[in-house]
C-alpha atoms as a PDB file:
ATOM      1  CA  MET A   1      45.043 -37.177   6.121  1.00  0.00           C
ATOM      2  CA  LEU A   2      45.627 -34.748   3.276  1.00  0.00           C
ATOM      3  CA  LYS A   3      42.130 -35.416   1.893  1.00  0.00           C
ATOM      4  CA  LEU A   4      40.592 -34.548   5.350  1.00  0.00           C
ATOM      5  CA  LYS A   5      42.547 -31.344   5.561  1.00  0.00           C
ATOM      6  CA  ILE A   6      41.377 -30.255   2.060  1.00  0.00           C
ATOM      7  CA  MET A   7      37.747 -31.058   2.973  1.00  0.00           C
ATOM      8  CA  LYS A   8      38.056 -28.942   6.141  1.00  0.00           C
ATOM      9  CA  THR A   9      39.478 -26.009   4.107  1.00  0.00           C
ATOM     10  CA  ASN A  10      36.760 -26.316   1.498  1.00  0.00           C
ATOM     11  CA  SER A  11      34.057 -26.488   4.201  1.00  0.00           C
ATOM     12  CA  LEU A  12      35.416 -23.366   5.861  1.00  0.00           C
ATOM     13  CA  LYS A  13      35.486 -21.533   2.552  1.00  0.00           C
ATOM     14  CA  THR A  14      31.904 -22.636   1.777  1.00  0.00           C
ATOM     15  CA  CYS A  15      30.699 -21.610   5.219  1.00  0.00           C
ATOM     16  CA  ALA A  16      32.377 -18.198   4.925  1.00  0.00           C
ATOM     17  CA  LEU A  17      30.837 -17.678   1.467  1.00  0.00           C
ATOM     18  CA  LEU A  18      27.376 -18.581   2.829  1.00  0.00           C
ATOM     19  CA  MET A  19      27.784 -16.176   5.727  1.00  0.00           C
ATOM     20  CA  LEU A  20      28.811 -13.334   3.342  1.00  0.00           C
ATOM     21  CA  SER A  21      25.855 -14.158   1.087  1.00  0.00           C
ATOM     22  CA  CYS A  22      23.430 -13.948   4.026  1.00  0.00           C
ATOM     23  CA  LEU A  23      24.849 -10.601   5.127  1.00  0.00           C
ATOM     24  CA  PHE A  24      24.589  -9.222   1.623  1.00  0.00           C
ATOM     25  CA  LEU A  25      21.017 -10.399   1.168  1.00  0.00           C
ATOM     26  CA  SER A  26      19.861  -9.090   4.516  1.00  0.00           C
ATOM     27  CA  SER A  27      21.440  -5.673   3.906  1.00  0.00           C
ATOM     28  CA  CYS A  28      19.821  -5.475   0.476  1.00  0.00           C
ATOM     29  CA  GLN A  29      16.415  -6.170   1.970  1.00  0.00           C
ATOM     30  CA  LYS A  30      16.930  -3.528   4.677  1.00  0.00           C
ATOM     31  CA  ASP A  31      18.048  -1.028   2.065  1.00  0.00           C
ATOM     32  CA  GLY A  32      14.657  -1.389   0.323  1.00  0.00           C
ATOM     33  CA  VAL A  33      12.903  -0.364   3.521  1.00  0.00           C
ATOM     34  CA  LYS A  34      15.278   2.653   3.866  1.00  0.00           C
ATOM     35  CA  VAL A  35      14.475   3.777   0.326  1.00  0.00           C
ATOM     36  CA  PHE A  36      10.737   4.025   1.182  1.00  0.00           C
ATOM     37  CA  LYS A  37      10.864   5.051   4.833  1.00  0.00           C
ATOM     38  CA  GLY A  38       9.806   8.663   5.532  1.00  0.00           C
ATOM     39  CA  ASP A  39       6.916  11.027   5.394  1.00  0.00           C
ATOM     40  CA  TYR A  40       5.135  11.982   2.233  1.00  0.00           C
ATOM     41  CA  THR A  41       2.392  14.356   1.048  1.00  0.00           C
ATOM     42  CA  TYR A  42      -0.148  12.423  -1.010  1.00  0.00           C
ATOM     43  CA  LYS A  43      -3.044  12.997  -3.346  1.00  0.00           C
ATOM     44  CA  THR A  44      -5.546  10.314  -4.246  1.00  0.00           C
ATOM     45  CA  SER A  45      -8.096  10.496  -7.062  1.00  0.00           C
ATOM     46  CA  GLY A  46     -10.013   8.164  -9.342  1.00  0.00           C
ATOM     47  CA  LYS A  47     -13.398   6.626 -10.233  1.00  0.00           C
ATOM     48  CA  ILE A  48     -15.398   3.804  -8.864  1.00  0.00           C
ATOM     49  CA  THR A  49     -18.666   2.199  -9.940  1.00  0.00           C
ATOM     50  CA  VAL A  50     -21.598   1.641  -7.564  1.00  0.00           C
ATOM     51  CA  THR A  51     -23.968  -0.967  -8.978  1.00  0.00           C
ATOM     52  CA  ILE A  52     -27.533  -0.954  -7.573  1.00  0.00           C
ATOM     53  CA  SER A  53     -30.200  -3.352  -8.898  1.00  0.00           C
ATOM     54  CA  GLY A  54     -28.045  -4.008 -11.913  1.00  0.00           C
ATOM     55  CA  VAL A  55     -27.606  -0.341 -12.793  1.00  0.00           C
ATOM     56  CA  ALA A  56     -24.008   0.916 -12.848  1.00  0.00           C
ATOM     57  CA  ASN A  57     -23.490   4.398 -11.382  1.00  0.00           C
ATOM     58  CA  PRO A  58     -20.041   5.892 -12.033  1.00  0.00           C
ATOM     59  CA  VAL A  59     -18.806   7.941  -9.094  1.00  0.00           C
ATOM     60  CA  LYS A  60     -15.769  10.243  -9.227  1.00  0.00           C
ATOM     61  CA  LEU A  61     -13.893  10.112  -5.901  1.00  0.00           C
ATOM     62  CA  LEU A  62     -13.342  13.444  -4.186  1.00  0.00           C
ATOM     63  CA  ASN A  63      -9.611  14.207  -4.357  1.00  0.00           C
ATOM     64  CA  ARG A  64      -7.974  13.413  -1.073  1.00  0.00           C
ATOM     65  CA  THR A  65      -4.815  14.904   0.179  1.00  0.00           C
ATOM     66  CA  GLY A  66      -2.846  14.401   3.326  1.00  0.00           C
ATOM     67  CA  GLN A  67       0.168  12.992   5.027  1.00  0.00           C
ATOM     68  CA  MET A  68       1.460   9.445   4.517  1.00  0.00           C
ATOM     69  CA  ASP A  69       4.095   8.007   6.830  1.00  0.00           C
ATOM     70  CA  ILE A  70       6.060   4.868   5.988  1.00  0.00           C
ATOM     71  CA  ILE A  71       7.531   3.407   9.160  1.00  0.00           C
ATOM     72  CA  ASP A  72      10.212   0.743   9.535  1.00  0.00           C
ATOM     73  CA  ILE A  73       8.778  -1.926  11.885  1.00  0.00           C
ATOM     74  CA  GLY A  74      11.989  -3.843  12.271  1.00  0.00           C
ATOM     75  CA  GLU A  75      11.134  -6.685   9.925  1.00  0.00           C
ATOM     76  CA  ASP A  76      13.431  -7.202   6.925  1.00  0.00           C
ATOM     77  CA  ASP A  77      11.015  -6.153   4.156  1.00  0.00           C
ATOM     78  CA  ARG A  78       7.898  -4.926   6.004  1.00  0.00           C
ATOM     79  CA  VAL A  79       6.693  -1.446   6.815  1.00  0.00           C
ATOM     80  CA  MET A  80       3.646   0.186   8.362  1.00  0.00           C
ATOM     81  CA  VAL A  81       1.859   2.805   6.265  1.00  0.00           C
ATOM     82  CA  VAL A  82      -0.265   5.497   8.058  1.00  0.00           C
ATOM     83  CA  LYS A  83      -2.329   7.886   5.954  1.00  0.00           C
ATOM     84  CA  THR A  84      -3.894  10.935   7.574  1.00  0.00           C
ATOM     85  CA  SER A  85      -6.145  12.956   5.277  1.00  0.00           C
ATOM     86  CA  LEU A  86      -6.673  16.725   5.681  1.00  0.00           C
ATOM     87  CA  THR A  87     -10.218  15.891   6.904  1.00  0.00           C
ATOM     88  CA  GLY A  88      -8.746  13.959   9.810  1.00  0.00           C
ATOM     89  CA  ASP A  89      -9.463  10.417   8.554  1.00  0.00           C
ATOM     90  CA  VAL A  90      -6.694   7.994   9.499  1.00  0.00           C
ATOM     91  CA  THR A  91      -6.039   4.602   7.853  1.00  0.00           C
ATOM     92  CA  SER A  92      -3.149   2.350   8.646  1.00  0.00           C
ATOM     93  CA  GLY A  93      -1.882  -0.941   7.256  1.00  0.00           C
ATOM     94  CA  TYR A  94       1.205  -2.868   6.342  1.00  0.00           C
ATOM     95  CA  ALA A  95       3.150  -3.324   3.131  1.00  0.00           C
ATOM     96  CA  THR A  96       6.024  -5.406   1.807  1.00  0.00           C
ATOM     97  CA  ILE A  97       8.994  -3.902   0.019  1.00  0.00           C
ATOM     98  CA  GLU A  98      10.406  -5.720  -3.028  1.00  0.00           C
ATOM     99  CA  GLY A  99      13.232  -3.661  -4.565  1.00  0.00           C
ATOM    100  CA  ASP A 100      11.644  -0.456  -5.867  1.00  0.00           C
ATOM    101  CA  LYS A 101       8.116  -1.797  -5.466  1.00  0.00           C
ATOM    102  CA  ILE A 102       5.749  -1.673  -2.445  1.00  0.00           C
ATOM    103  CA  ILE A 103       2.885  -4.155  -2.121  1.00  0.00           C
ATOM    104  CA  PHE A 104       0.199  -3.194   0.387  1.00  0.00           C
ATOM    105  CA  ASP A 105      -1.752  -5.669   2.466  1.00  0.00           C
ATOM    106  CA  PRO A 106      -5.537  -5.293   1.843  1.00  0.00           C
ATOM    107  CA  VAL A 107      -7.125  -2.489   3.943  1.00  0.00           C
ATOM    108  CA  THR A 108     -10.855  -2.214   4.688  1.00  0.00           C
ATOM    109  CA  PHE A 109     -12.397   1.205   5.533  1.00  0.00           C
ATOM    110  CA  ASN A 110     -15.792   2.949   5.612  1.00  0.00           C
ATOM    111  CA  GLU A 111     -16.663   6.002   3.584  1.00  0.00           C
ATOM    112  CA  THR A 112     -19.850   8.021   3.007  1.00  0.00           C
ATOM    113  CA  LEU A 113     -20.843   8.149  -0.667  1.00  0.00           C
ATOM    114  CA  ILE A 114     -23.334  10.587  -2.179  1.00  0.00           C
ATOM    115  CA  LEU A 115     -25.128   9.356  -5.253  1.00  0.00           C
ATOM    116  CA  LEU A 116     -27.707  11.408  -7.189  1.00  0.00           C
ATOM    117  CA  VAL A 117     -30.706  10.280  -5.141  1.00  0.00           C
ATOM    118  CA  GLU A 118     -29.113   8.355  -2.308  1.00  0.00           C
ATOM    119  CA  ASN A 119     -26.528   8.826   0.422  1.00  0.00           C
ATOM    120  CA  GLY A 120     -24.958   5.712   1.827  1.00  0.00           C
ATOM    121  CA  LEU A 121     -22.186   4.074   3.742  1.00  0.00           C
ATOM    122  CA  ALA A 122     -19.599   2.224   1.679  1.00  0.00           C
ATOM    123  CA  THR A 123     -17.459  -0.483   3.132  1.00  0.00           C
ATOM    124  CA  ILE A 124     -14.438  -0.729   0.822  1.00  0.00           C
ATOM    125  CA  THR A 125     -11.484  -3.051   0.673  1.00  0.00           C
ATOM    126  CA  SER A 126      -8.464  -1.607  -1.098  1.00  0.00           C
ATOM    127  CA  ASN A 127      -5.698  -3.612  -2.729  1.00  0.00           C
ATOM    128  CA  ALA A 128      -2.683  -1.617  -3.833  1.00  0.00           C
ATOM    129  CA  SER A 129       0.853  -1.754  -5.133  1.00  0.00           C
ATOM    130  CA  GLY A 130       3.268   1.012  -6.106  1.00  0.00           C
ATOM    131  CA  LYS A 131       6.719   1.958  -7.213  1.00  0.00           C
ATOM    132  CA  ILE A 132       9.241   4.567  -5.986  1.00  0.00           C
ATOM    133  CA  TYR A 133      11.011   6.735  -8.517  1.00  0.00           C
ATOM    134  CA  GLU A 134      14.374   8.515  -8.382  1.00  0.00           C
ATOM    135  CA  ASN A 135      12.708  11.839  -7.348  1.00  0.00           C
ATOM    136  CA  ASN A 136      11.383  10.164  -4.189  1.00  0.00           C
ATOM    137  CA  THR A 137       7.864   9.998  -5.618  1.00  0.00           C
ATOM    138  CA  ILE A 138       5.739   6.927  -5.116  1.00  0.00           C
ATOM    139  CA  ILE A 139       2.944   6.121  -7.495  1.00  0.00           C
ATOM    140  CA  ILE A 140       0.339   3.734  -6.114  1.00  0.00           C
ATOM    141  CA  ASN A 141      -2.336   1.952  -8.114  1.00  0.00           C
ATOM    142  CA  GLU A 142      -5.383   0.839  -6.103  1.00  0.00           C
ATOM    143  CA  THR A 143      -8.413  -1.314  -6.741  1.00  0.00           C
ATOM    144  CA  TYR A 144     -11.562  -1.045  -4.619  1.00  0.00           C
ATOM    145  CA  GLU A 145     -14.205  -3.645  -3.960  1.00  0.00           C
ATOM    146  CA  GLY A 146     -16.998  -3.320  -1.468  1.00  0.00           C
ATOM    147  CA  ILE A 147     -20.646  -2.916  -0.454  1.00  0.00           C
ATOM    148  CA  PHE A 148     -22.883   0.197  -0.579  1.00  0.00           C
ATOM    149  CA  ALA A 149     -25.776   0.550   1.919  1.00  0.00           C
ATOM    150  CA  GLY A 150     -28.257   3.361   1.424  1.00  0.00           C
ATOM    151  CA  GLN A 151     -28.913   5.632   4.449  1.00  0.00           C
ATOM    152  CA  GLY A 152     -31.246   8.185   2.848  1.00  0.00           C
ATOM    153  CA  SER A 153     -34.911   7.956   1.872  1.00  0.00           C
ATOM    154  CA  TYR A 154     -34.351   4.486   0.349  1.00  0.00           C
ATOM    155  CA  LEU A 155     -32.949   2.676   3.324  1.00  0.00           C
ATOM    156  CA  ASN A 156     -33.115  -0.815   1.750  1.00  0.00           C
ATOM    157  CA  VAL A 157     -30.855   0.115  -1.168  1.00  0.00           C
ATOM    158  CA  LEU A 158     -27.830  -2.188  -1.387  1.00  0.00           C
ATOM    159  CA  GLY A 159     -25.180  -2.266  -4.014  1.00  0.00           C
ATOM    160  CA  THR A 160     -21.669  -3.290  -4.881  1.00  0.00           C
ATOM    161  CA  ILE A 161     -18.628  -1.102  -5.385  1.00  0.00           C
ATOM    162  CA  SER A 162     -15.766  -1.709  -7.786  1.00  0.00           C
ATOM    163  CA  GLY A 163     -12.967   0.385  -9.141  1.00  0.00           C
ATOM    164  CA  ASP A 164      -9.588  -0.145 -10.656  1.00  0.00           C
ATOM    165  CA  SER A 165      -8.570   3.395 -11.612  1.00  0.00           C
ATOM    166  CA  ILE A 166      -7.636   4.842  -8.213  1.00  0.00           C
ATOM    167  CA  LEU A 167      -4.255   6.545  -8.227  1.00  0.00           C
ATOM    168  CA  THR A 168      -2.190   7.950  -5.335  1.00  0.00           C
ATOM    169  CA  VAL A 169       0.828  10.094  -5.927  1.00  0.00           C
ATOM    170  CA  ALA A 170       3.002  10.643  -2.867  1.00  0.00           C
ATOM    171  CA  ASP A 171       5.999  13.023  -2.742  1.00  0.00           C
ATOM    172  CA  ARG A 172       8.551  12.677   0.044  1.00  0.00           C
ATOM    173  CA  ASN A 173       8.656  15.768   2.262  1.00  0.00           C
ATOM    174  CA  GLU A 174      12.057  17.486   2.413  1.00  0.00           C
ATOM    175  CA  ASP A 175      13.881  17.498   5.737  1.00  0.00           C
ATOM    176  CA  ASP A 176      14.217  20.925   7.284  1.00  0.00           C
END
């Protein structure tokens, strides 16, 4: 009888400890989302390479600035990220928060590129991850992969796009 009573007491202690651990872990995950959530002003710059017929053409991206909103979607470690550039282009996607890091799901978008002799439409897939710093600045490193299709005088020009030096710096906007 005494052995059964001790087992019940140990089981209750173990159960209580597990419940406290679950509460602690879920609150930590939610805190990560809270750290990132908000609206930011961002600037993106970098270089890509457009390769056509085996010839690599380096292209400096035009600096992009705009508004980036990180929105809590109610999942423990997931957020929605909406970027609106000053030119009015809007991209949205999802990301996962891991401590002070944010890992973006791949996002595909279209962009017009102007090369020396050819204009074209680029279909680009971006993979990105970043880190938030104590001053509420997020630095995001992106890689681009995609396809370039000429739209100018050489309509049959096709090429590939690659780039691993795209950087976005986003500063959290102060509340008024």
